[in-house]
C-alpha cells in the first residue's frame, strides 16, 4: 500500500510541471488572447477596457480582411485537393515496387524537410516574372527555352493569379507528406482483396475505384484535416515568397494579424483575428478528434 502511494506521488510529481506549463502557456494564453480581443487595446499601452464584440464587427467591415478571407478559401480549395491528388498518384507509382523506391521516396519527402522560409525564397525566384531589361527568370525562362513562351505568367505579381502561385509552392512542399500517408495505407491493404477483384474481372482502374479508394477513406479524411489546419495557419511561406502582394492578392489572415498587431500596434484587433483563426482550426480539429474517439470506442 505504501509503495502504491509512493508510486502515485512520483507520477504526480513527474506530470505536474508539464500540466502547469500547458495550462499557463497554452490555455492561459488562449484565454488572454480571447479577452484581449474584447478589449480596447489599440496602442502599445495595454488597455483592457471591455468593448464586447466591437473589434470583430469592425474587422469584418475592413476590405483587407474580406480579401484575406477570399484568398484563404481559394487557397484551401486548391491546396488540399492538389496535395491529395499528387500524393495519391505518387503513392500508387511507388506501390508498384519500382527499383530505387527508397531513393524516390526520399526525394518526394525532401520538400517537407525544407523550412517554409527557404521554400518561399526558392519559389519567389522560380516565379519571378523578370523585366524587359534583365529578361526572364526561373519558370518563365524555361518556358521560353522549350518554345512555350506563350505560357509565361506574372505569377505572384499578377493580381489575378496571386494566391494560386502560393498554392503551387505549398503543394510542392506538402505533397510528399500525403504520399507517405497514402503509401502506408496502400501497403496495409491485403493483396488478396486485389487478387479477388481481378479474378472477378475487375480492371486495375476499377480495383482502385471500388476497392482501394474506399479503404483509404480514413487516410484521406485525416490528411485533409491536417492539410486544412496548415492552410488556415499559413504564414511563413507567404512572408518569404510574396508578402501581401499587389492589391493584397496573396495576403492571408495570419499575415494581416502580424501587421495589425506588431506593425500597427492594434493588439485588440490582432487578437480578434487570432481568435477567428483559432475557431476555424477548432472547427476542423474538434470534429475530427470526436470522430476518432468514437471510432476507437466502437472498435
C-alpha atoms as a PDB file:
ATOM      1  CA  UNK A   1       0.000   0.000   0.000  1.00  0.00           C
ATOM      2  CA  UNK A   2       2.803   2.393   0.877  1.00  0.00           C
ATOM      3  CA  UNK A   3       4.599   1.527  -2.360  1.00  0.00           C
ATOM      4  CA  UNK A   4       1.407   2.226  -4.343  1.00  0.00           C
ATOM      5  CA  UNK A   5       1.042   5.610  -2.649  1.00  0.00           C
ATOM      6  CA  UNK A   6       4.689   6.429  -3.308  1.00  0.00           C
ATOM      7  CA  UNK A   7       4.294   5.468  -6.996  1.00  0.00           C
ATOM      8  CA  UNK A   8       1.269   7.735  -7.304  1.00  0.00           C
ATOM      9  CA  UNK A   9       3.100  10.646  -5.705  1.00  0.00           C
ATOM     10  CA  UNK A  10       6.046  10.082  -8.019  1.00  0.00           C
ATOM     11  CA  UNK A  11       3.724  10.022 -11.030  1.00  0.00           C
ATOM     12  CA  UNK A  12       2.022  13.246  -9.977  1.00  0.00           C
ATOM     13  CA  UNK A  13       5.397  14.903  -9.368  1.00  0.00           C
ATOM     14  CA  UNK A  14       6.543  13.951 -12.866  1.00  0.00           C
ATOM     15  CA  UNK A  15       3.482  15.137 -14.749  1.00  0.00           C
ATOM     16  CA  UNK A  16       2.682  18.243 -12.689  1.00  0.00           C
ATOM     17  CA  UNK A  17       5.298  20.522 -14.350  1.00  0.00           C
ATOM     18  CA  UNK A  18       4.005  19.609 -17.813  1.00  0.00           C
ATOM     19  CA  UNK A  19       0.382  20.128 -16.774  1.00  0.00           C
ATOM     20  CA  UNK A  20       1.175  23.512 -15.243  1.00  0.00           C
ATOM     21  CA  UNK A  21       3.222  24.583 -18.286  1.00  0.00           C
ATOM     22  CA  UNK A  22       0.424  23.597 -20.696  1.00  0.00           C
ATOM     23  CA  UNK A  23      -2.206  25.265 -18.525  1.00  0.00           C
ATOM     24  CA  UNK A  24      -0.258  28.536 -18.400  1.00  0.00           C
ATOM     25  CA  UNK A  25       1.466  28.774 -21.775  1.00  0.00           C
ATOM     26  CA  UNK A  26      -1.277  27.221 -23.920  1.00  0.00           C
ATOM     27  CA  UNK A  27      -4.711  27.581 -22.382  1.00  0.00           C
ATOM     28  CA  UNK A  28      -3.759  30.590 -20.287  1.00  0.00           C
ATOM     29  CA  UNK A  29      -2.505  32.498 -23.328  1.00  0.00           C
ATOM     30  CA  UNK A  30      -5.545  31.425 -25.350  1.00  0.00           C
ATOM     31  CA  UNK A  31      -7.768  32.876 -22.627  1.00  0.00           C
ATOM     32  CA  UNK A  32      -5.652  36.062 -22.512  1.00  0.00           C
ATOM     33  CA  UNK A  33      -5.904  36.428 -26.294  1.00  0.00           C
ATOM     34  CA  UNK A  34      -9.655  35.909 -26.174  1.00  0.00           C
ATOM     35  CA  UNK A  35     -10.104  38.591 -23.514  1.00  0.00           C
ATOM     36  CA  UNK A  36      -7.780  40.976 -25.382  1.00  0.00           C
ATOM     37  CA  UNK A  37      -9.986  40.645 -28.470  1.00  0.00           C
ATOM     38  CA  UNK A  38     -12.872  42.034 -26.411  1.00  0.00           C
ATOM     39  CA  UNK A  39     -10.879  44.997 -25.075  1.00  0.00           C
ATOM     40  CA  UNK A  40      -9.920  48.470 -26.348  1.00  0.00           C
ATOM     41  CA  UNK A  41      -6.187  47.733 -26.590  1.00  0.00           C
ATOM     42  CA  UNK A  42      -5.352  49.672 -29.765  1.00  0.00           C
ATOM     43  CA  UNK A  43      -1.928  51.083 -28.854  1.00  0.00           C
ATOM     44  CA  UNK A  44       1.330  49.981 -27.280  1.00  0.00           C
ATOM     45  CA  UNK A  45      -0.044  50.762 -23.828  1.00  0.00           C
ATOM     46  CA  UNK A  46      -2.350  47.984 -22.572  1.00  0.00           C
ATOM     47  CA  UNK A  47      -5.990  48.985 -22.252  1.00  0.00           C
ATOM     48  CA  UNK A  48      -8.310  46.216 -21.101  1.00  0.00           C
ATOM     49  CA  UNK A  49     -11.485  48.284 -21.153  1.00  0.00           C
ATOM     50  CA  UNK A  50     -14.234  45.868 -22.179  1.00  0.00           C
ATOM     51  CA  UNK A  51     -15.861  46.751 -25.527  1.00  0.00           C
ATOM     52  CA  UNK A  52     -17.570  43.446 -26.331  1.00  0.00           C
ATOM     53  CA  UNK A  53     -17.650  42.355 -29.976  1.00  0.00           C
ATOM     54  CA  UNK A  54     -16.794  45.780 -31.389  1.00  0.00           C
ATOM     55  CA  UNK A  55     -13.412  44.639 -32.696  1.00  0.00           C
ATOM     56  CA  UNK A  56     -14.980  41.707 -34.528  1.00  0.00           C
ATOM     57  CA  UNK A  57     -17.680  43.912 -36.043  1.00  0.00           C
ATOM     58  CA  UNK A  58     -15.067  46.390 -37.276  1.00  0.00           C
ATOM     59  CA  UNK A  59     -12.861  43.586 -38.566  1.00  0.00           C
ATOM     60  CA  UNK A  60     -15.499  42.217 -40.928  1.00  0.00           C
ATOM     61  CA  UNK A  61     -16.003  45.660 -42.447  1.00  0.00           C
ATOM     62  CA  UNK A  62     -12.335  46.008 -43.428  1.00  0.00           C
ATOM     63  CA  UNK A  63     -11.679  45.479 -47.144  1.00  0.00           C
ATOM     64  CA  UNK A  64      -8.321  43.820 -46.466  1.00  0.00           C
ATOM     65  CA  UNK A  65      -9.841  41.202 -44.164  1.00  0.00           C
ATOM     66  CA  UNK A  66     -12.566  40.429 -46.708  1.00  0.00           C
ATOM     67  CA  UNK A  67      -9.886  39.896 -49.362  1.00  0.00           C
ATOM     68  CA  UNK A  68      -7.924  37.723 -46.910  1.00  0.00           C
ATOM     69  CA  UNK A  69     -10.939  35.501 -46.311  1.00  0.00           C
ATOM     70  CA  UNK A  70     -11.441  35.032 -50.061  1.00  0.00           C
ATOM     71  CA  UNK A  71      -7.751  34.266 -50.503  1.00  0.00           C
ATOM     72  CA  UNK A  72      -7.879  31.761 -47.656  1.00  0.00           C
ATOM     73  CA  UNK A  73     -10.915  29.980 -49.119  1.00  0.00           C
ATOM     74  CA  UNK A  74      -9.264  29.896 -52.548  1.00  0.00           C
ATOM     75  CA  UNK A  75      -6.069  28.556 -51.033  1.00  0.00           C
ATOM     76  CA  UNK A  76      -7.884  25.810 -49.120  1.00  0.00           C
ATOM     77  CA  UNK A  77      -9.997  24.877 -52.145  1.00  0.00           C
ATOM     78  CA  UNK A  78      -6.916  24.398 -54.333  1.00  0.00           C
ATOM     79  CA  UNK A  79      -4.233  23.329 -51.861  1.00  0.00           C
ATOM     80  CA  UNK A  80      -5.992  20.351 -50.255  1.00  0.00           C
ATOM     81  CA  UNK A  81      -7.189  18.674 -53.498  1.00  0.00           C
ATOM     82  CA  UNK A  82      -3.800  19.269 -55.134  1.00  0.00           C
ATOM     83  CA  UNK A  83      -1.878  17.667 -52.258  1.00  0.00           C
ATOM     84  CA  UNK A  84      -4.283  14.737 -52.049  1.00  0.00           C
ATOM     85  CA  UNK A  85      -4.236  14.097 -55.800  1.00  0.00           C
ATOM     86  CA  UNK A  86      -0.464  14.429 -56.249  1.00  0.00           C
ATOM     87  CA  UNK A  87       0.253  12.455 -53.093  1.00  0.00           C
ATOM     88  CA  UNK A  88      -2.062   9.633 -54.151  1.00  0.00           C
ATOM     89  CA  UNK A  89      -0.565   9.402 -57.644  1.00  0.00           C
ATOM     90  CA  UNK A  90       2.976   9.311 -56.254  1.00  0.00           C
ATOM     91  CA  UNK A  91       1.974   6.660 -53.710  1.00  0.00           C
ATOM     92  CA  UNK A  92       0.404   4.491 -56.409  1.00  0.00           C
ATOM     93  CA  UNK A  93       3.560   4.752 -58.534  1.00  0.00           C
ATOM     94  CA  UNK A  94       5.787   3.793 -55.608  1.00  0.00           C
ATOM     95  CA  UNK A  95       3.453   0.955 -54.679  1.00  0.00           C
ATOM     96  CA  UNK A  96       4.407  -0.767 -57.933  1.00  0.00           C
ATOM     97  CA  UNK A  97       7.682  -1.858 -56.239  1.00  0.00           C
ATOM     98  CA  UNK A  98       9.815   0.149 -58.664  1.00  0.00           C
ATOM     99  CA  UNK A  99      13.589  -0.062 -58.481  1.00  0.00           C
ATOM    100  CA  UNK A 100      15.131   2.604 -56.287  1.00  0.00           C
ATOM    101  CA  UNK A 101      11.907   3.042 -54.354  1.00  0.00           C
ATOM    102  CA  UNK A 102      13.753   4.238 -51.262  1.00  0.00           C
ATOM    103  CA  UNK A 103      15.535   6.933 -53.279  1.00  0.00           C
ATOM    104  CA  UNK A 104      12.332   8.165 -54.889  1.00  0.00           C
ATOM    105  CA  UNK A 105      10.533   8.142 -51.558  1.00  0.00           C
ATOM    106  CA  UNK A 106      13.291  10.290 -50.040  1.00  0.00           C
ATOM    107  CA  UNK A 107      13.182  12.692 -52.991  1.00  0.00           C
ATOM    108  CA  UNK A 108       9.413  13.122 -52.702  1.00  0.00           C
ATOM    109  CA  UNK A 109       9.654  13.676 -48.938  1.00  0.00           C
ATOM    110  CA  UNK A 110      12.579  16.099 -49.150  1.00  0.00           C
ATOM    111  CA  UNK A 111      10.469  19.259 -49.734  1.00  0.00           C
ATOM    112  CA  UNK A 112       8.667  18.653 -46.444  1.00  0.00           C
ATOM    113  CA  UNK A 113      12.000  18.746 -44.606  1.00  0.00           C
ATOM    114  CA  UNK A 114      12.786  22.194 -46.036  1.00  0.00           C
ATOM    115  CA  UNK A 115      11.609  25.145 -43.973  1.00  0.00           C
ATOM    116  CA  UNK A 116       8.786  27.310 -45.291  1.00  0.00           C
ATOM    117  CA  UNK A 117      11.132  30.312 -45.412  1.00  0.00           C
ATOM    118  CA  UNK A 118      13.605  28.515 -47.700  1.00  0.00           C
ATOM    119  CA  UNK A 119      10.755  27.186 -49.827  1.00  0.00           C
ATOM    120  CA  UNK A 120       9.328  30.685 -50.185  1.00  0.00           C
ATOM    121  CA  UNK A 121      12.673  32.201 -51.191  1.00  0.00           C
ATOM    122  CA  UNK A 122      13.313  29.489 -53.800  1.00  0.00           C
ATOM    123  CA  UNK A 123       9.845  29.720 -55.326  1.00  0.00           C
ATOM    124  CA  UNK A 124       9.991  33.516 -55.280  1.00  0.00           C
ATOM    125  CA  UNK A 125      12.956  33.264 -57.654  1.00  0.00           C
ATOM    126  CA  UNK A 126      11.436  30.471 -59.725  1.00  0.00           C
ATOM    127  CA  UNK A 127       8.265  32.501 -60.260  1.00  0.00           C
ATOM    128  CA  UNK A 128       9.963  35.830 -60.768  1.00  0.00           C
ATOM    129  CA  UNK A 129       8.497  37.260 -63.997  1.00  0.00           C
ATOM    130  CA  UNK A 130      11.668  39.157 -64.846  1.00  0.00           C
ATOM    131  CA  UNK A 131      11.834  42.510 -66.611  1.00  0.00           C
ATOM    132  CA  UNK A 132      12.435  43.799 -70.098  1.00  0.00           C
ATOM    133  CA  UNK A 133      15.957  44.830 -69.102  1.00  0.00           C
ATOM    134  CA  UNK A 134      17.025  41.636 -67.310  1.00  0.00           C
ATOM    135  CA  UNK A 135      14.970  39.130 -69.267  1.00  0.00           C
ATOM    136  CA  UNK A 136      13.053  36.183 -67.850  1.00  0.00           C
ATOM    137  CA  UNK A 137      13.916  34.089 -64.811  1.00  0.00           C
ATOM    138  CA  UNK A 138      13.066  30.662 -63.459  1.00  0.00           C
ATOM    139  CA  UNK A 139       9.933  29.076 -64.883  1.00  0.00           C
ATOM    140  CA  UNK A 140       9.382  31.796 -67.477  1.00  0.00           C
ATOM    141  CA  UNK A 141      12.920  31.312 -68.792  1.00  0.00           C
ATOM    142  CA  UNK A 142      12.355  27.548 -69.003  1.00  0.00           C
ATOM    143  CA  UNK A 143       9.119  28.085 -70.915  1.00  0.00           C
ATOM    144  CA  UNK A 144      10.920  30.335 -73.375  1.00  0.00           C
ATOM    145  CA  UNK A 145      13.678  27.806 -73.964  1.00  0.00           C
ATOM    146  CA  UNK A 146      11.267  24.940 -74.693  1.00  0.00           C
ATOM    147  CA  UNK A 147       9.223  27.062 -77.088  1.00  0.00           C
ATOM    148  CA  UNK A 148       6.261  27.572 -74.764  1.00  0.00           C
ATOM    149  CA  UNK A 149       6.737  31.274 -74.151  1.00  0.00           C
ATOM    150  CA  UNK A 150       3.008  31.856 -74.616  1.00  0.00           C
ATOM    151  CA  UNK A 151       2.531  30.199 -71.201  1.00  0.00           C
ATOM    152  CA  UNK A 152       4.639  32.819 -69.413  1.00  0.00           C
ATOM    153  CA  UNK A 153       2.934  34.451 -66.465  1.00  0.00           C
ATOM    154  CA  UNK A 154       3.448  37.194 -63.936  1.00  0.00           C
ATOM    155  CA  UNK A 155       2.836  34.556 -61.259  1.00  0.00           C
ATOM    156  CA  UNK A 156       2.621  36.160 -57.801  1.00  0.00           C
ATOM    157  CA  UNK A 157       2.961  39.679 -59.297  1.00  0.00           C
ATOM    158  CA  UNK A 158      -0.273  39.163 -61.237  1.00  0.00           C
ATOM    159  CA  UNK A 159      -3.273  40.128 -59.052  1.00  0.00           C
ATOM    160  CA  UNK A 160      -5.446  37.650 -60.983  1.00  0.00           C
ATOM    161  CA  UNK A 161      -3.069  34.758 -60.285  1.00  0.00           C
ATOM    162  CA  UNK A 162      -1.833  35.870 -56.865  1.00  0.00           C
ATOM    163  CA  UNK A 163      -2.646  33.290 -54.226  1.00  0.00           C
ATOM    164  CA  UNK A 164      -2.533  30.461 -56.787  1.00  0.00           C
ATOM    165  CA  UNK A 165       1.240  30.925 -57.009  1.00  0.00           C
ATOM    166  CA  UNK A 166       1.460  30.287 -53.265  1.00  0.00           C
ATOM    167  CA  UNK A 167      -0.696  27.174 -53.723  1.00  0.00           C
ATOM    168  CA  UNK A 168       1.854  25.765 -56.184  1.00  0.00           C
ATOM    169  CA  UNK A 169       4.726  26.236 -53.739  1.00  0.00           C
ATOM    170  CA  UNK A 170       2.750  24.895 -50.769  1.00  0.00           C
ATOM    171  CA  UNK A 171       1.523  21.846 -52.704  1.00  0.00           C
ATOM    172  CA  UNK A 172       5.106  21.105 -53.803  1.00  0.00           C
ATOM    173  CA  UNK A 173       6.177  21.131 -50.167  1.00  0.00           C
ATOM    174  CA  UNK A 174       3.352  19.047 -48.672  1.00  0.00           C
ATOM    175  CA  UNK A 175       2.513  16.526 -51.425  1.00  0.00           C
ATOM    176  CA  UNK A 176       5.270  14.232 -50.172  1.00  0.00           C
ATOM    177  CA  UNK A 177       3.571  14.096 -46.786  1.00  0.00           C
ATOM    178  CA  UNK A 178       0.281  12.897 -48.254  1.00  0.00           C
ATOM    179  CA  UNK A 179       2.270  10.481 -50.440  1.00  0.00           C
ATOM    180  CA  UNK A 180       3.756   8.903 -47.315  1.00  0.00           C
ATOM    181  CA  UNK A 181       0.307   8.568 -45.702  1.00  0.00           C
ATOM    182  CA  UNK A 182      -1.234   7.010 -48.799  1.00  0.00           C
ATOM    183  CA  UNK A 183       1.726   4.682 -49.333  1.00  0.00           C
ATOM    184  CA  UNK A 184       1.381   3.375 -45.782  1.00  0.00           C
ATOM    185  CA  UNK A 185      -2.315   2.810 -46.414  1.00  0.00           C
ATOM    186  CA  UNK A 186      -1.695   1.024 -49.727  1.00  0.00           C
ATOM    187  CA  UNK A 187       0.841  -1.274 -48.117  1.00  0.00           C
ATOM    188  CA  UNK A 188      -1.738  -2.116 -45.448  1.00  0.00           C
ATOM    189  CA  UNK A 189      -4.333  -3.346 -47.944  1.00  0.00           C
ATOM    190  CA  UNK A 190      -4.194  -7.156 -48.244  1.00  0.00           C
ATOM    191  CA  UNK A 191      -3.141  -8.286 -51.698  1.00  0.00           C
ATOM    192  CA  UNK A 192      -5.834 -10.966 -51.505  1.00  0.00           C
ATOM    193  CA  UNK A 193      -8.530  -8.316 -51.930  1.00  0.00           C
ATOM    194  CA  UNK A 194      -7.000  -7.096 -55.170  1.00  0.00           C
ATOM    195  CA  UNK A 195      -6.498 -10.639 -56.453  1.00  0.00           C
ATOM    196  CA  UNK A 196     -10.124 -11.468 -55.703  1.00  0.00           C
ATOM    197  CA  UNK A 197     -11.227  -8.394 -57.660  1.00  0.00           C
ATOM    198  CA  UNK A 198      -9.021  -9.370 -60.603  1.00  0.00           C
ATOM    199  CA  UNK A 199     -10.494 -12.892 -60.608  1.00  0.00           C
ATOM    200  CA  UNK A 200     -13.952 -11.318 -60.770  1.00  0.00           C
ATOM    201  CA  UNK A 201     -12.854  -9.480 -63.920  1.00  0.00           C
ATOM    202  CA  UNK A 202     -12.208  -6.028 -62.486  1.00  0.00           C
ATOM    203  CA  UNK A 203      -9.679  -3.820 -64.261  1.00  0.00           C
ATOM    204  CA  UNK A 204      -6.911  -2.049 -62.365  1.00  0.00           C
ATOM    205  CA  UNK A 205      -8.842   1.212 -62.586  1.00  0.00           C
ATOM    206  CA  UNK A 206     -11.943  -0.448 -61.152  1.00  0.00           C
ATOM    207  CA  UNK A 207      -9.867  -2.011 -58.374  1.00  0.00           C
ATOM    208  CA  UNK A 208      -8.575   1.378 -57.306  1.00  0.00           C
ATOM    209  CA  UNK A 209     -12.009   2.960 -57.618  1.00  0.00           C
ATOM    210  CA  UNK A 210     -14.100   0.324 -55.846  1.00  0.00           C
ATOM    211  CA  UNK A 211     -11.585  -1.386 -53.540  1.00  0.00           C
ATOM    212  CA  UNK A 212      -8.545   0.758 -52.808  1.00  0.00           C
ATOM    213  CA  UNK A 213     -10.049   4.251 -52.535  1.00  0.00           C
ATOM    214  CA  UNK A 214     -12.865   3.218 -50.142  1.00  0.00           C
ATOM    215  CA  UNK A 215     -10.316   1.530 -47.876  1.00  0.00           C
ATOM    216  CA  UNK A 216      -8.147   4.667 -47.976  1.00  0.00           C
ATOM    217  CA  UNK A 217     -11.030   6.938 -46.964  1.00  0.00           C
ATOM    218  CA  UNK A 218      -9.875   7.308 -43.326  1.00  0.00           C
ATOM    219  CA  UNK A 219      -6.403   8.328 -44.515  1.00  0.00           C
ATOM    220  CA  UNK A 220      -7.882  10.820 -46.958  1.00  0.00           C
ATOM    221  CA  UNK A 221     -10.004  12.280 -44.164  1.00  0.00           C
ATOM    222  CA  UNK A 222      -7.041  12.554 -41.790  1.00  0.00           C
ATOM    223  CA  UNK A 223      -4.793  14.088 -44.450  1.00  0.00           C
ATOM    224  CA  UNK A 224      -7.463  16.625 -45.403  1.00  0.00           C
ATOM    225  CA  UNK A 225      -7.844  17.713 -41.778  1.00  0.00           C
ATOM    226  CA  UNK A 226      -4.101  18.148 -41.313  1.00  0.00           C
ATOM    227  CA  UNK A 227      -3.708  19.991 -44.620  1.00  0.00           C
ATOM    228  CA  UNK A 228      -6.682  22.196 -43.762  1.00  0.00           C
ATOM    229  CA  UNK A 229      -5.074  23.189 -40.478  1.00  0.00           C
ATOM    230  CA  UNK A 230      -1.848  24.018 -42.327  1.00  0.00           C
ATOM    231  CA  UNK A 231      -3.767  26.074 -44.885  1.00  0.00           C
ATOM    232  CA  UNK A 232      -5.591  28.087 -42.233  1.00  0.00           C
ATOM    233  CA  UNK A 233      -2.341  28.978 -40.463  1.00  0.00           C
ATOM    234  CA  UNK A 234      -0.080  29.567 -43.471  1.00  0.00           C
ATOM    235  CA  UNK A 235       2.240  32.471 -42.768  1.00  0.00           C
ATOM    236  CA  UNK A 236       5.983  31.919 -43.231  1.00  0.00           C
ATOM    237  CA  UNK A 237       5.676  30.782 -46.852  1.00  0.00           C
ATOM    238  CA  UNK A 238       3.679  33.886 -47.787  1.00  0.00           C
ATOM    239  CA  UNK A 239       6.063  36.210 -45.947  1.00  0.00           C
ATOM    240  CA  UNK A 240       9.128  34.784 -47.691  1.00  0.00           C
ATOM    241  CA  UNK A 241       7.576  34.368 -51.113  1.00  0.00           C
ATOM    242  CA  UNK A 242       5.216  37.244 -51.822  1.00  0.00           C
ATOM    243  CA  UNK A 243       4.176  39.310 -48.824  1.00  0.00           C
ATOM    244  CA  UNK A 244       0.678  40.805 -49.154  1.00  0.00           C
ATOM    245  CA  UNK A 245       1.151  41.067 -52.919  1.00  0.00           C
ATOM    246  CA  UNK A 246      -0.315  43.670 -55.286  1.00  0.00           C
ATOM    247  CA  UNK A 247      -3.792  44.605 -54.129  1.00  0.00           C
ATOM    248  CA  UNK A 248      -3.445  42.102 -51.255  1.00  0.00           C
ATOM    249  CA  UNK A 249      -3.735  39.334 -53.855  1.00  0.00           C
ATOM    250  CA  UNK A 250      -1.565  36.977 -51.764  1.00  0.00           C
ATOM    251  CA  UNK A 251      -2.492  38.273 -48.326  1.00  0.00           C
ATOM    252  CA  UNK A 252      -3.774  35.843 -45.675  1.00  0.00           C
ATOM    253  CA  UNK A 253      -5.318  36.336 -42.210  1.00  0.00           C
ATOM    254  CA  UNK A 254      -2.125  35.313 -40.382  1.00  0.00           C
ATOM    255  CA  UNK A 255      -0.121  37.995 -42.199  1.00  0.00           C
ATOM    256  CA  UNK A 256      -2.833  40.571 -41.544  1.00  0.00           C
ATOM    257  CA  UNK A 257      -2.764  39.612 -37.868  1.00  0.00           C
ATOM    258  CA  UNK A 258       1.017  40.104 -37.727  1.00  0.00           C
ATOM    259  CA  UNK A 259       0.837  43.507 -39.442  1.00  0.00           C
ATOM    260  CA  UNK A 260      -2.066  44.660 -37.291  1.00  0.00           C
ATOM    261  CA  UNK A 261      -0.519  43.578 -34.008  1.00  0.00           C
ATOM    262  CA  UNK A 262       3.213  44.176 -34.317  1.00  0.00           C
ATOM    263  CA  UNK A 263       3.387  46.855 -37.006  1.00  0.00           C
ATOM    264  CA  UNK A 264       0.126  48.700 -36.418  1.00  0.00           C
ATOM    265  CA  UNK A 265       0.121  48.311 -32.633  1.00  0.00           C
ATOM    266  CA  UNK A 266      -3.581  47.408 -32.553  1.00  0.00           C
ATOM    267  CA  UNK A 267      -3.341  44.433 -30.222  1.00  0.00           C
ATOM    268  CA  UNK A 268      -7.079  44.021 -29.704  1.00  0.00           C
ATOM    269  CA  UNK A 269      -7.771  43.789 -33.442  1.00  0.00           C
ATOM    270  CA  UNK A 270      -4.856  41.392 -33.880  1.00  0.00           C
ATOM    271  CA  UNK A 271      -6.248  39.255 -31.062  1.00  0.00           C
ATOM    272  CA  UNK A 272      -9.640  39.250 -32.789  1.00  0.00           C
ATOM    273  CA  UNK A 273      -8.052  37.914 -35.997  1.00  0.00           C
ATOM    274  CA  UNK A 274      -6.170  35.273 -33.989  1.00  0.00           C
ATOM    275  CA  UNK A 275      -9.397  34.252 -32.248  1.00  0.00           C
ATOM    276  CA  UNK A 276     -11.181  33.773 -35.566  1.00  0.00           C
ATOM    277  CA  UNK A 277      -8.295  31.676 -36.863  1.00  0.00           C
ATOM    278  CA  UNK A 278      -8.385  29.567 -33.686  1.00  0.00           C
ATOM    279  CA  UNK A 279     -12.127  28.983 -34.058  1.00  0.00           C
ATOM    280  CA  UNK A 280     -11.654  27.927 -37.678  1.00  0.00           C
ATOM    281  CA  UNK A 281      -8.933  25.455 -36.716  1.00  0.00           C
ATOM    282  CA  UNK A 282     -11.104  24.123 -33.900  1.00  0.00           C
ATOM    283  CA  UNK A 283     -13.923  23.696 -36.401  1.00  0.00           C
ATOM    284  CA  UNK A 284     -11.668  21.257 -38.248  1.00  0.00           C
ATOM    285  CA  UNK A 285      -9.810  19.535 -35.441  1.00  0.00           C
ATOM    286  CA  UNK A 286     -12.526  19.062 -32.800  1.00  0.00           C
ATOM    287  CA  UNK A 287     -14.957  17.100 -35.052  1.00  0.00           C
ATOM    288  CA  UNK A 288     -12.002  15.017 -36.234  1.00  0.00           C
ATOM    289  CA  UNK A 289     -10.987  14.192 -32.657  1.00  0.00           C
ATOM    290  CA  UNK A 290     -14.580  13.334 -31.745  1.00  0.00           C
ATOM    291  CA  UNK A 291     -14.873  11.067 -34.806  1.00  0.00           C
ATOM    292  CA  UNK A 292     -11.546   9.380 -33.974  1.00  0.00           C
ATOM    293  CA  UNK A 293     -12.544   8.851 -30.335  1.00  0.00           C
ATOM    294  CA  UNK A 294     -15.894   7.321 -31.295  1.00  0.00           C
ATOM    295  CA  UNK A 295     -14.230   5.038 -33.830  1.00  0.00           C
ATOM    296  CA  UNK A 296     -11.771   3.793 -31.206  1.00  0.00           C
ATOM    297  CA  UNK A 297     -14.582   3.201 -28.700  1.00  0.00           C
ATOM    298  CA  UNK A 298     -16.592   1.192 -31.246  1.00  0.00           C
ATOM    299  CA  UNK A 299     -13.559  -0.956 -32.027  1.00  0.00           C
END
